[in-house]
Amino acid sequence: MADERGASTAVLLAFLSGAAMGAVMGLLLAPQTGSESRDRLRGYARRAETDLRDLAGRAGEAFEEAVDQGREFVESKRSVLREAFDAGREAMKRERGHIQDEGAERG
């Protein structure tokens, strides 16, 4: 799960870095007027916001899926441990019965 978080963070940082570099390069190399450049930057910002929301939504879905898988794993291990505990308890009861029976035969 930590690897998924690191990968998501890396993707987010790469996206933000690319968006910032693109905006800066667009301003430096733009042959438009200031108002045209500002309009273009607003468009970039809107697209970046939309992309970030999409990325956040996908990250949330991935997180929920990981949590669900974790719950399933814990539940499966819990049932295995419960079965092992019950089997151990039954074996202990049988052994106690054998020991008491042997004690009664000797006594």
C-alpha atoms as a PDB file:
ATOM      1  CA  MET A   1       0.000   0.000   0.000  1.00  0.00           C
ATOM      2  CA  ALA A   2       2.907   2.327   0.724  1.00  0.00           C
ATOM      3  CA  ASP A   3       4.216   1.713  -2.807  1.00  0.00           C
ATOM      4  CA  GLU A   4       0.877   2.758  -4.288  1.00  0.00           C
ATOM      5  CA  ARG A   5       0.920   5.945  -2.222  1.00  0.00           C
ATOM      6  CA  GLY A   6       4.452   6.735  -3.367  1.00  0.00           C
ATOM      7  CA  ALA A   7       3.541   6.115  -6.993  1.00  0.00           C
ATOM      8  CA  SER A   8       0.444   8.316  -6.712  1.00  0.00           C
ATOM      9  CA  THR A   9       2.488  11.073  -5.118  1.00  0.00           C
ATOM     10  CA  ALA A  10       5.110  10.825  -7.851  1.00  0.00           C
ATOM     11  CA  VAL A  11       2.449  11.036 -10.558  1.00  0.00           C
ATOM     12  CA  LEU A  12       0.862  14.047  -8.882  1.00  0.00           C
ATOM     13  CA  LEU A  13       4.203  15.829  -8.514  1.00  0.00           C
ATOM     14  CA  ALA A  14       5.138  15.070 -12.114  1.00  0.00           C
ATOM     15  CA  PHE A  15       1.794  16.405 -13.295  1.00  0.00           C
ATOM     16  CA  LEU A  16       2.073  19.593 -11.240  1.00  0.00           C
ATOM     17  CA  SER A  17       5.667  20.161 -12.342  1.00  0.00           C
ATOM     18  CA  GLY A  18       4.740  19.685 -15.985  1.00  0.00           C
ATOM     19  CA  ALA A  19       1.776  22.020 -15.671  1.00  0.00           C
ATOM     20  CA  ALA A  20       3.886  24.723 -14.009  1.00  0.00           C
ATOM     21  CA  MET A  21       6.702  24.400 -16.542  1.00  0.00           C
ATOM     22  CA  GLY A  22       4.230  24.533 -19.410  1.00  0.00           C
ATOM     23  CA  ALA A  23       2.606  27.658 -18.028  1.00  0.00           C
ATOM     24  CA  VAL A  24       5.954  29.400 -17.565  1.00  0.00           C
ATOM     25  CA  MET A  25       7.149  28.434 -21.033  1.00  0.00           C
ATOM     26  CA  GLY A  26       3.852  29.561 -22.501  1.00  0.00           C
ATOM     27  CA  LEU A  27       4.248  32.971 -20.920  1.00  0.00           C
ATOM     28  CA  LEU A  28       7.847  33.348 -21.980  1.00  0.00           C
ATOM     29  CA  LEU A  29       7.320  32.282 -25.566  1.00  0.00           C
ATOM     30  CA  ALA A  30       3.831  33.654 -26.158  1.00  0.00           C
ATOM     31  CA  PRO A  31       3.423  36.152 -28.997  1.00  0.00           C
ATOM     32  CA  GLN A  32       0.058  37.282 -27.528  1.00  0.00           C
ATOM     33  CA  THR A  33      -0.873  40.343 -25.567  1.00  0.00           C
ATOM     34  CA  GLY A  34      -1.055  40.241 -21.776  1.00  0.00           C
ATOM     35  CA  SER A  35      -4.824  39.773 -21.696  1.00  0.00           C
ATOM     36  CA  GLU A  36      -4.621  36.913 -24.198  1.00  0.00           C
ATOM     37  CA  SER A  37      -1.883  35.307 -22.118  1.00  0.00           C
ATOM     38  CA  ARG A  38      -3.987  35.644 -18.960  1.00  0.00           C
ATOM     39  CA  ASP A  39      -6.968  34.066 -20.701  1.00  0.00           C
ATOM     40  CA  ARG A  40      -4.800  31.205 -21.858  1.00  0.00           C
ATOM     41  CA  LEU A  41      -3.421  30.746 -18.324  1.00  0.00           C
ATOM     42  CA  ARG A  42      -6.971  30.627 -16.965  1.00  0.00           C
ATOM     43  CA  GLY A  43      -7.706  27.856 -19.429  1.00  0.00           C
ATOM     44  CA  TYR A  44      -4.593  25.972 -18.334  1.00  0.00           C
ATOM     45  CA  ALA A  45      -5.584  26.439 -14.702  1.00  0.00           C
ATOM     46  CA  ARG A  46      -9.092  25.111 -15.364  1.00  0.00           C
ATOM     47  CA  ARG A  47      -7.719  22.071 -17.161  1.00  0.00           C
ATOM     48  CA  ALA A  48      -5.198  21.489 -14.379  1.00  0.00           C
ATOM     49  CA  GLU A  49      -7.970  21.734 -11.793  1.00  0.00           C
ATOM     50  CA  THR A  50     -10.096  19.242 -13.724  1.00  0.00           C
ATOM     51  CA  ASP A  51      -7.162  16.868 -14.113  1.00  0.00           C
ATOM     52  CA  LEU A  52      -6.327  17.133 -10.409  1.00  0.00           C
ATOM     53  CA  ARG A  53      -9.921  16.414  -9.444  1.00  0.00           C
ATOM     54  CA  ASP A  54      -9.911  13.359 -11.707  1.00  0.00           C
ATOM     55  CA  LEU A  55      -6.603  12.207 -10.240  1.00  0.00           C
ATOM     56  CA  ALA A  56      -7.905  12.735  -6.699  1.00  0.00           C
ATOM     57  CA  GLY A  57     -11.021  10.744  -7.544  1.00  0.00           C
ATOM     58  CA  ARG A  58      -8.989   7.863  -8.937  1.00  0.00           C
ATOM     59  CA  ALA A  59      -6.671   7.986  -5.918  1.00  0.00           C
ATOM     60  CA  GLY A  60      -9.700   7.858  -3.618  1.00  0.00           C
ATOM     61  CA  GLU A  61     -11.091   4.873  -5.483  1.00  0.00           C
ATOM     62  CA  ALA A  62      -7.721   3.097  -5.317  1.00  0.00           C
ATOM     63  CA  PHE A  63      -7.524   3.826  -1.596  1.00  0.00           C
ATOM     64  CA  GLU A  64     -11.021   2.448  -0.996  1.00  0.00           C
ATOM     65  CA  GLU A  65     -10.151  -0.672  -2.973  1.00  0.00           C
ATOM     66  CA  ALA A  66      -6.975  -1.166  -0.924  1.00  0.00           C
ATOM     67  CA  VAL A  67      -8.942  -0.735   2.315  1.00  0.00           C
ATOM     68  CA  ASP A  68     -11.524  -3.272   1.149  1.00  0.00           C
ATOM     69  CA  GLN A  69      -8.797  -5.752   0.233  1.00  0.00           C
ATOM     70  CA  GLY A  70      -7.185  -5.202   3.629  1.00  0.00           C
ATOM     71  CA  ARG A  71     -10.473  -5.866   5.382  1.00  0.00           C
ATOM     72  CA  GLU A  72     -10.987  -9.064   3.400  1.00  0.00           C
ATOM     73  CA  PHE A  73      -7.454 -10.205   4.238  1.00  0.00           C
ATOM     74  CA  VAL A  74      -7.895  -9.516   7.951  1.00  0.00           C
ATOM     75  CA  GLU A  75     -11.264 -11.247   7.997  1.00  0.00           C
ATOM     76  CA  SER A  76      -9.897 -14.326   6.246  1.00  0.00           C
ATOM     77  CA  LYS A  77      -6.984 -14.535   8.680  1.00  0.00           C
ATOM     78  CA  ARG A  78      -9.313 -13.976  11.624  1.00  0.00           C
ATOM     79  CA  SER A  79     -11.471 -16.936  10.585  1.00  0.00           C
ATOM     80  CA  VAL A  80      -8.387 -19.136  10.124  1.00  0.00           C
ATOM     81  CA  LEU A  81      -7.120 -18.176  13.577  1.00  0.00           C
ATOM     82  CA  ARG A  82     -10.564 -18.756  15.095  1.00  0.00           C
ATOM     83  CA  GLU A  83     -10.716 -22.239  13.550  1.00  0.00           C
ATOM     84  CA  ALA A  84      -7.203 -23.044  14.790  1.00  0.00           C
ATOM     85  CA  PHE A  85      -8.063 -21.805  18.271  1.00  0.00           C
ATOM     86  CA  ASP A  86     -11.245 -23.883  18.368  1.00  0.00           C
ATOM     87  CA  ALA A  87      -9.366 -26.979  17.146  1.00  0.00           C
ATOM     88  CA  GLY A  88      -6.717 -26.434  19.835  1.00  0.00           C
ATOM     89  CA  ARG A  89      -9.375 -26.082  22.512  1.00  0.00           C
ATOM     90  CA  GLU A  90     -11.049 -29.316  21.393  1.00  0.00           C
ATOM     91  CA  ALA A  91      -7.701 -31.149  21.372  1.00  0.00           C
ATOM     92  CA  MET A  92      -6.991 -29.885  24.874  1.00  0.00           C
ATOM     93  CA  LYS A  93     -10.375 -31.107  26.097  1.00  0.00           C
ATOM     94  CA  ARG A  94      -9.748 -34.546  24.564  1.00  0.00           C
ATOM     95  CA  GLU A  95      -6.328 -34.771  26.208  1.00  0.00           C
ATOM     96  CA  ARG A  96      -7.743 -33.752  29.569  1.00  0.00           C
ATOM     97  CA  GLY A  97     -10.350 -36.461  29.188  1.00  0.00           C
ATOM     98  CA  HIS A  98      -7.647 -39.046  28.364  1.00  0.00           C
ATOM     99  CA  ILE A  99      -5.558 -37.970  31.355  1.00  0.00           C
ATOM    100  CA  GLN A 100      -8.557 -38.126  33.708  1.00  0.00           C
ATOM    101  CA  ASP A 101      -9.503 -41.549  32.344  1.00  0.00           C
ATOM    102  CA  GLU A 102      -5.959 -42.852  32.894  1.00  0.00           C
ATOM    103  CA  GLY A 103      -5.948 -41.419  36.421  1.00  0.00           C
ATOM    104  CA  ALA A 104      -9.254 -43.120  37.208  1.00  0.00           C
ATOM    105  CA  GLU A 105      -7.974 -46.474  35.885  1.00  0.00           C
ATOM    106  CA  ARG A 106      -4.849 -46.268  38.048  1.00  0.00           C
ATOM    107  CA  GLY A 107      -6.652 -45.059  41.143  1.00  0.00           C
END
